Amino acid sequence: MPGYTTVTHNNYIHFTCHQTAAKNDYENKKRIKEWDGATIRNQHTNCNNLLPVRGGAIDEKSFANVIDRYFEY
């Protein structure tokens, strides 16, 4: 029977930090899959989400376009 699973907590991590950690996991002698490594680093949270956060160098129109694309899915 189809259903949904939800997570009631989350952890925020900077995208570049996630990329660096995933690369380190892959290059380690004992390779760790990206999602397994993220789960370990994020206090065993079962899912992650990359949320768009506006930085100071991003103009409002560009950020609005990113937000629109983000919520299309």
PDB file of N, CA and C in Angstrom:
ATOM      1  N   MET A   1       0.843  -1.175   0.000  1.00  0.00           N
ATOM      2  CA  MET A   1       0.000   0.000   0.000  1.00  0.00           C
ATOM      3  C   MET A   1       0.893   1.244   0.000  1.00  0.00           C
ATOM      4  N   PRO A   2       0.684   2.175  -0.935  1.00  0.00           N
ATOM      5  CA  PRO A   2       1.508   3.385  -1.001  1.00  0.00           C
ATOM      6  C   PRO A   2       1.289   4.267   0.226  1.00  0.00           C
ATOM      7  N   GLY A   3       2.304   5.006   0.592  1.00  0.00           N
ATOM      8  CA  GLY A   3       2.186   5.915   1.725  1.00  0.00           C
ATOM      9  C   GLY A   3       3.315   6.920   1.731  1.00  0.00           C
ATOM     10  N   TYR A   4       3.369   7.698   2.751  1.00  0.00           N
ATOM     11  CA  TYR A   4       4.379   8.731   2.886  1.00  0.00           C
ATOM     12  C   TYR A   4       5.113   8.559   4.210  1.00  0.00           C
ATOM     13  N   THR A   5       6.373   8.938   4.203  1.00  0.00           N
ATOM     14  CA  THR A   5       7.167   8.988   5.423  1.00  0.00           C
ATOM     15  C   THR A   5       7.666  10.414   5.574  1.00  0.00           C
ATOM     16  N   THR A   6       7.610  10.943   6.768  1.00  0.00           N
ATOM     17  CA  THR A   6       8.092  12.299   6.988  1.00  0.00           C
ATOM     18  C   THR A   6       9.160  12.298   8.071  1.00  0.00           C
ATOM     19  N   VAL A   7       9.946  13.344   8.062  1.00  0.00           N
ATOM     20  CA  VAL A   7      10.970  13.543   9.079  1.00  0.00           C
ATOM     21  C   VAL A   7      10.588  14.804   9.844  1.00  0.00           C
ATOM     22  N   THR A   8      10.675  14.756  11.156  1.00  0.00           N
ATOM     23  CA  THR A   8      10.231  15.892  11.956  1.00  0.00           C
ATOM     24  C   THR A   8      11.365  16.812  12.380  1.00  0.00           C
ATOM     25  N   HIS A   9      12.558  16.572  11.872  1.00  0.00           N
ATOM     26  CA  HIS A   9      13.678  17.465  12.164  1.00  0.00           C
ATOM     27  C   HIS A   9      14.582  17.526  10.943  1.00  0.00           C
ATOM     28  N   ASN A  10      15.445  18.531  10.926  1.00  0.00           N
ATOM     29  CA  ASN A  10      16.390  18.629   9.822  1.00  0.00           C
ATOM     30  C   ASN A  10      17.629  19.369  10.295  1.00  0.00           C
ATOM     31  N   ASN A  11      18.655  19.302   9.514  1.00  0.00           N
ATOM     32  CA  ASN A  11      19.908  20.008   9.777  1.00  0.00           C
ATOM     33  C   ASN A  11      20.267  20.790   8.522  1.00  0.00           C
ATOM     34  N   TYR A  12      20.702  21.999   8.722  1.00  0.00           N
ATOM     35  CA  TYR A  12      21.101  22.838   7.594  1.00  0.00           C
ATOM     36  C   TYR A  12      22.611  22.760   7.432  1.00  0.00           C
ATOM     37  N   ILE A  13      23.038  22.607   6.188  1.00  0.00           N
ATOM     38  CA  ILE A  13      24.467  22.547   5.895  1.00  0.00           C
ATOM     39  C   ILE A  13      24.708  23.317   4.597  1.00  0.00           C
ATOM     40  N   HIS A  14      25.797  24.053   4.575  1.00  0.00           N
ATOM     41  CA  HIS A  14      26.151  24.823   3.395  1.00  0.00           C
ATOM     42  C   HIS A  14      26.466  23.860   2.253  1.00  0.00           C
ATOM     43  N   PHE A  15      26.021  24.187   1.049  1.00  0.00           N
ATOM     44  CA  PHE A  15      26.183  23.305  -0.105  1.00  0.00           C
ATOM     45  C   PHE A  15      27.643  22.936  -0.350  1.00  0.00           C
ATOM     46  N   THR A  16      28.550  23.910  -0.245  1.00  0.00           N
ATOM     47  CA  THR A  16      29.969  23.638  -0.470  1.00  0.00           C
ATOM     48  C   THR A  16      30.507  22.674   0.584  1.00  0.00           C
ATOM     49  N   CYS A  17      30.045  22.823   1.822  1.00  0.00           N
ATOM     50  CA  CYS A  17      30.474  21.904   2.892  1.00  0.00           C
ATOM     51  C   CYS A  17      30.002  20.483   2.581  1.00  0.00           C
ATOM     52  N   HIS A  18      28.775  20.349   2.086  1.00  0.00           N
ATOM     53  CA  HIS A  18      28.260  19.025   1.715  1.00  0.00           C
ATOM     54  C   HIS A  18      29.095  18.426   0.589  1.00  0.00           C
ATOM     55  N   GLN A  19      29.408  19.237  -0.420  1.00  0.00           N
ATOM     56  CA  GLN A  19      30.209  18.745  -1.545  1.00  0.00           C
ATOM     57  C   GLN A  19      31.580  18.268  -1.074  1.00  0.00           C
ATOM     58  N   THR A  20      32.218  19.036  -0.205  1.00  0.00           N
ATOM     59  CA  THR A  20      33.534  18.671   0.308  1.00  0.00           C
ATOM     60  C   THR A  20      33.470  17.368   1.093  1.00  0.00           C
ATOM     61  N   ALA A  21      32.462  17.239   1.945  1.00  0.00           N
ATOM     62  CA  ALA A  21      32.315  16.019   2.753  1.00  0.00           C
ATOM     63  C   ALA A  21      32.039  14.811   1.863  1.00  0.00           C
ATOM     64  N   ALA A  22      31.182  14.969   0.857  1.00  0.00           N
ATOM     65  CA  ALA A  22      30.872  13.859  -0.049  1.00  0.00           C
ATOM     66  C   ALA A  22      32.123  13.434  -0.826  1.00  0.00           C
ATOM     67  N   LYS A  23      32.923  14.402  -1.245  1.00  0.00           N
ATOM     68  CA  LYS A  23      34.170  14.095  -1.951  1.00  0.00           C
ATOM     69  C   LYS A  23      35.126  13.334  -1.036  1.00  0.00           C
ATOM     70  N   ASN A  24      35.241  13.777   0.216  1.00  0.00           N
ATOM     71  CA  ASN A  24      36.110  13.095   1.170  1.00  0.00           C
ATOM     72  C   ASN A  24      35.641  11.664   1.435  1.00  0.00           C
ATOM     73  N   ASP A  25      34.329  11.474   1.540  1.00  0.00           N
ATOM     74  CA  ASP A  25      33.785  10.126   1.732  1.00  0.00           C
ATOM     75  C   ASP A  25      34.158   9.221   0.565  1.00  0.00           C
ATOM     76  N   TYR A  26      34.059   9.755  -0.653  1.00  0.00           N
ATOM     77  CA  TYR A  26      34.336   8.974  -1.851  1.00  0.00           C
ATOM     78  C   TYR A  26      35.818   8.618  -1.960  1.00  0.00           C
ATOM     79  N   GLU A  27      36.674   9.572  -1.570  1.00  0.00           N
ATOM     80  CA  GLU A  27      38.113   9.357  -1.704  1.00  0.00           C
ATOM     81  C   GLU A  27      38.720   8.597  -0.528  1.00  0.00           C
ATOM     82  N   ASN A  28      37.957   8.358   0.514  1.00  0.00           N
ATOM     83  CA  ASN A  28      38.431   7.628   1.679  1.00  0.00           C
ATOM     84  C   ASN A  28      38.743   6.178   1.292  1.00  0.00           C
ATOM     85  N   LYS A  29      39.661   5.532   2.020  1.00  0.00           N
ATOM     86  CA  LYS A  29      39.988   4.131   1.728  1.00  0.00           C
ATOM     87  C   LYS A  29      38.739   3.262   1.786  1.00  0.00           C
ATOM     88  N   LYS A  30      37.914   3.495   2.794  1.00  0.00           N
ATOM     89  CA  LYS A  30      36.643   2.777   2.896  1.00  0.00           C
ATOM     90  C   LYS A  30      35.557   3.732   2.395  1.00  0.00           C
ATOM     91  N   ARG A  31      35.198   3.606   1.127  1.00  0.00           N
ATOM     92  CA  ARG A  31      34.254   4.541   0.515  1.00  0.00           C
ATOM     93  C   ARG A  31      32.893   4.473   1.208  1.00  0.00           C
ATOM     94  N   ILE A  32      32.321   5.643   1.400  1.00  0.00           N
ATOM     95  CA  ILE A  32      30.989   5.769   1.983  1.00  0.00           C
ATOM     96  C   ILE A  32      30.094   6.425   0.936  1.00  0.00           C
ATOM     97  N   LYS A  33      28.895   5.883   0.734  1.00  0.00           N
ATOM     98  CA  LYS A  33      27.959   6.483  -0.209  1.00  0.00           C
ATOM     99  C   LYS A  33      27.553   7.870   0.302  1.00  0.00           C
ATOM    100  N   GLU A  34      27.252   8.772  -0.639  1.00  0.00           N
ATOM    101  CA  GLU A  34      26.951  10.159  -0.292  1.00  0.00           C
ATOM    102  C   GLU A  34      25.843  10.275   0.762  1.00  0.00           C
ATOM    103  N   TRP A  35      24.729   9.588   0.554  1.00  0.00           N
ATOM    104  CA  TRP A  35      23.605   9.709   1.495  1.00  0.00           C
ATOM    105  C   TRP A  35      23.923   9.061   2.831  1.00  0.00           C
ATOM    106  N   ASP A  36      24.708   7.989   2.838  1.00  0.00           N
ATOM    107  CA  ASP A  36      25.092   7.362   4.106  1.00  0.00           C
ATOM    108  C   ASP A  36      25.981   8.305   4.917  1.00  0.00           C
ATOM    109  N   GLY A  37      26.932   8.946   4.250  1.00  0.00           N
ATOM    110  CA  GLY A  37      27.803   9.899   4.930  1.00  0.00           C
ATOM    111  C   GLY A  37      27.026  11.097   5.456  1.00  0.00           C
ATOM    112  N   ALA A  38      26.084  11.603   4.646  1.00  0.00           N
ATOM    113  CA  ALA A  38      25.264  12.740   5.076  1.00  0.00           C
ATOM    114  C   ALA A  38      24.411  12.365   6.285  1.00  0.00           C
ATOM    115  N   THR A  39      23.882  11.162   6.285  1.00  0.00           N
ATOM    116  CA  THR A  39      23.069  10.707   7.420  1.00  0.00           C
ATOM    117  C   THR A  39      23.902  10.666   8.693  1.00  0.00           C
ATOM    118  N   ILE A  40      25.113  10.156   8.602  1.00  0.00           N
ATOM    119  CA  ILE A  40      25.995  10.089   9.770  1.00  0.00           C
ATOM    120  C   ILE A  40      26.331  11.497  10.271  1.00  0.00           C
ATOM    121  N   ARG A  41      26.690  12.384   9.365  1.00  0.00           N
ATOM    122  CA  ARG A  41      27.081  13.744   9.757  1.00  0.00           C
ATOM    123  C   ARG A  41      25.910  14.565  10.274  1.00  0.00           C
ATOM    124  N   ASN A  42      24.706  14.230   9.909  1.00  0.00           N
ATOM    125  CA  ASN A  42      23.522  15.012  10.274  1.00  0.00           C
ATOM    126  C   ASN A  42      22.687  14.336  11.353  1.00  0.00           C
ATOM    127  N   GLN A  43      23.341  13.752  12.324  1.00  0.00           N
ATOM    128  CA  GLN A  43      22.686  13.131  13.476  1.00  0.00           C
ATOM    129  C   GLN A  43      21.601  12.129  13.050  1.00  0.00           C
ATOM    130  N   HIS A  44      21.893  11.391  11.991  1.00  0.00           N
ATOM    131  CA  HIS A  44      21.034  10.314  11.487  1.00  0.00           C
ATOM    132  C   HIS A  44      19.668  10.797  10.997  1.00  0.00           C
ATOM    133  N   THR A  45      19.610  12.034  10.519  1.00  0.00           N
ATOM    134  CA  THR A  45      18.405  12.519   9.848  1.00  0.00           C
ATOM    135  C   THR A  45      18.245  11.712   8.569  1.00  0.00           C
ATOM    136  N   ASN A  46      17.045  11.247   8.290  1.00  0.00           N
ATOM    137  CA  ASN A  46      16.817  10.349   7.159  1.00  0.00           C
ATOM    138  C   ASN A  46      16.766  11.034   5.802  1.00  0.00           C
ATOM    139  N   CYS A  47      16.675  12.339   5.745  1.00  0.00           N
ATOM    140  CA  CYS A  47      16.689  13.013   4.447  1.00  0.00           C
ATOM    141  C   CYS A  47      17.280  14.398   4.611  1.00  0.00           C
ATOM    142  N   ASN A  48      17.703  14.978   3.530  1.00  0.00           N
ATOM    143  CA  ASN A  48      18.257  16.320   3.494  1.00  0.00           C
ATOM    144  C   ASN A  48      17.549  17.091   2.397  1.00  0.00           C
ATOM    145  N   ASN A  49      17.605  18.387   2.479  1.00  0.00           N
ATOM    146  CA  ASN A  49      16.999  19.223   1.468  1.00  0.00           C
ATOM    147  C   ASN A  49      17.906  20.422   1.258  1.00  0.00           C
ATOM    148  N   LEU A  50      18.175  20.751   0.020  1.00  0.00           N
ATOM    149  CA  LEU A  50      18.986  21.920  -0.280  1.00  0.00           C
ATOM    150  C   LEU A  50      18.048  23.112  -0.443  1.00  0.00           C
ATOM    151  N   LEU A  51      17.991  23.967   0.553  1.00  0.00           N
ATOM    152  CA  LEU A  51      17.104  25.125   0.530  1.00  0.00           C
ATOM    153  C   LEU A  51      17.828  26.328  -0.051  1.00  0.00           C
ATOM    154  N   PRO A  52      17.185  27.051  -0.963  1.00  0.00           N
ATOM    155  CA  PRO A  52      17.824  28.251  -1.494  1.00  0.00           C
ATOM    156  C   PRO A  52      17.830  29.353  -0.427  1.00  0.00           C
ATOM    157  N   VAL A  53      19.000  29.907  -0.179  1.00  0.00           N
ATOM    158  CA  VAL A  53      19.156  31.001   0.770  1.00  0.00           C
ATOM    159  C   VAL A  53      19.825  32.159   0.043  1.00  0.00           C
ATOM    160  N   ARG A  54      19.211  33.314   0.126  1.00  0.00           N
ATOM    161  CA  ARG A  54      19.742  34.462  -0.615  1.00  0.00           C
ATOM    162  C   ARG A  54      20.973  35.020   0.068  1.00  0.00           C
ATOM    163  N   GLY A  55      22.050  35.110  -0.692  1.00  0.00           N
ATOM    164  CA  GLY A  55      23.276  35.733  -0.211  1.00  0.00           C
ATOM    165  C   GLY A  55      23.310  37.191  -0.622  1.00  0.00           C
ATOM    166  N   GLY A  56      24.237  37.931  -0.068  1.00  0.00           N
ATOM    167  CA  GLY A  56      24.311  39.363  -0.324  1.00  0.00           C
ATOM    168  C   GLY A  56      24.618  39.737  -1.763  1.00  0.00           C
ATOM    169  N   ALA A  57      25.299  38.871  -2.509  1.00  0.00           N
ATOM    170  CA  ALA A  57      25.701  39.207  -3.874  1.00  0.00           C
ATOM    171  C   ALA A  57      24.645  38.829  -4.919  1.00  0.00           C
ATOM    172  N   ILE A  58      23.523  38.269  -4.485  1.00  0.00           N
ATOM    173  CA  ILE A  58      22.487  37.808  -5.421  1.00  0.00           C
ATOM    174  C   ILE A  58      21.367  38.829  -5.445  1.00  0.00           C
ATOM    175  N   ASP A  59      21.050  39.330  -6.653  1.00  0.00           N
ATOM    176  CA  ASP A  59      19.991  40.326  -6.743  1.00  0.00           C
ATOM    177  C   ASP A  59      18.612  39.676  -6.543  1.00  0.00           C
ATOM    178  N   GLU A  60      17.658  40.489  -6.172  1.00  0.00           N
ATOM    179  CA  GLU A  60      16.331  39.990  -5.795  1.00  0.00           C
ATOM    180  C   GLU A  60      15.629  39.245  -6.937  1.00  0.00           C
ATOM    181  N   LYS A  61      15.756  39.729  -8.168  1.00  0.00           N
ATOM    182  CA  LYS A  61      15.099  39.082  -9.310  1.00  0.00           C
ATOM    183  C   LYS A  61      15.672  37.689  -9.566  1.00  0.00           C
ATOM    184  N   SER A  62      16.991  37.556  -9.508  1.00  0.00           N
ATOM    185  CA  SER A  62      17.623  36.248  -9.709  1.00  0.00           C
ATOM    186  C   SER A  62      17.194  35.271  -8.624  1.00  0.00           C
ATOM    187  N   PHE A  63      17.153  35.753  -7.394  1.00  0.00           N
ATOM    188  CA  PHE A  63      16.744  34.887  -6.290  1.00  0.00           C
ATOM    189  C   PHE A  63      15.284  34.462  -6.448  1.00  0.00           C
ATOM    190  N   ALA A  64      14.427  35.374  -6.883  1.00  0.00           N
ATOM    191  CA  ALA A  64      13.018  35.044  -7.099  1.00  0.00           C
ATOM    192  C   ALA A  64      12.877  33.947  -8.155  1.00  0.00           C
ATOM    193  N   ASN A  65      13.709  33.995  -9.203  1.00  0.00           N
ATOM    194  CA  ASN A  65      13.683  32.955 -10.236  1.00  0.00           C
ATOM    195  C   ASN A  65      14.079  31.597  -9.659  1.00  0.00           C
ATOM    196  N   VAL A  66      15.098  31.584  -8.799  1.00  0.00           N
ATOM    197  CA  VAL A  66      15.535  30.339  -8.173  1.00  0.00           C
ATOM    198  C   VAL A  66      14.428  29.783  -7.277  1.00  0.00           C
ATOM    199  N   ILE A  67      13.796  30.641  -6.508  1.00  0.00           N
ATOM    200  CA  ILE A  67      12.698  30.213  -5.629  1.00  0.00           C
ATOM    201  C   ILE A  67      11.559  29.619  -6.454  1.00  0.00           C
ATOM    202  N   ASP A  68      11.201  30.265  -7.554  1.00  0.00           N
ATOM    203  CA  ASP A  68      10.132  29.739  -8.418  1.00  0.00           C
ATOM    204  C   ASP A  68      10.478  28.349  -8.933  1.00  0.00           C
ATOM    205  N   ARG A  69      11.719  28.156  -9.398  1.00  0.00           N
ATOM    206  CA  ARG A  69      12.141  26.838  -9.885  1.00  0.00           C
ATOM    207  C   ARG A  69      12.147  25.814  -8.755  1.00  0.00           C
ATOM    208  N   TYR A  70      12.594  26.231  -7.579  1.00  0.00           N
ATOM    209  CA  TYR A  70      12.671  25.324  -6.429  1.00  0.00           C
ATOM    210  C   TYR A  70      11.292  24.747  -6.087  1.00  0.00           C
ATOM    211  N   PHE A  71      10.283  25.610  -6.084  1.00  0.00           N
ATOM    212  CA  PHE A  71       8.954  25.167  -5.689  1.00  0.00           C
ATOM    213  C   PHE A  71       8.131  24.562  -6.834  1.00  0.00           C
ATOM    214  N   GLU A  72       8.698  24.506  -8.048  1.00  0.00           N
ATOM    215  CA  GLU A  72       8.009  23.833  -9.153  1.00  0.00           C
ATOM    216  C   GLU A  72       7.919  22.327  -8.931  1.00  0.00           C
ATOM    217  N   TYR A  73       8.871  21.767  -8.217  1.00  0.00           N
ATOM    218  CA  TYR A  73       8.939  20.318  -8.078  1.00  0.00           C
ATOM    219  C   TYR A  73       8.186  19.830  -6.906  1.00  0.00           C
TER     220      TYR A  73
END
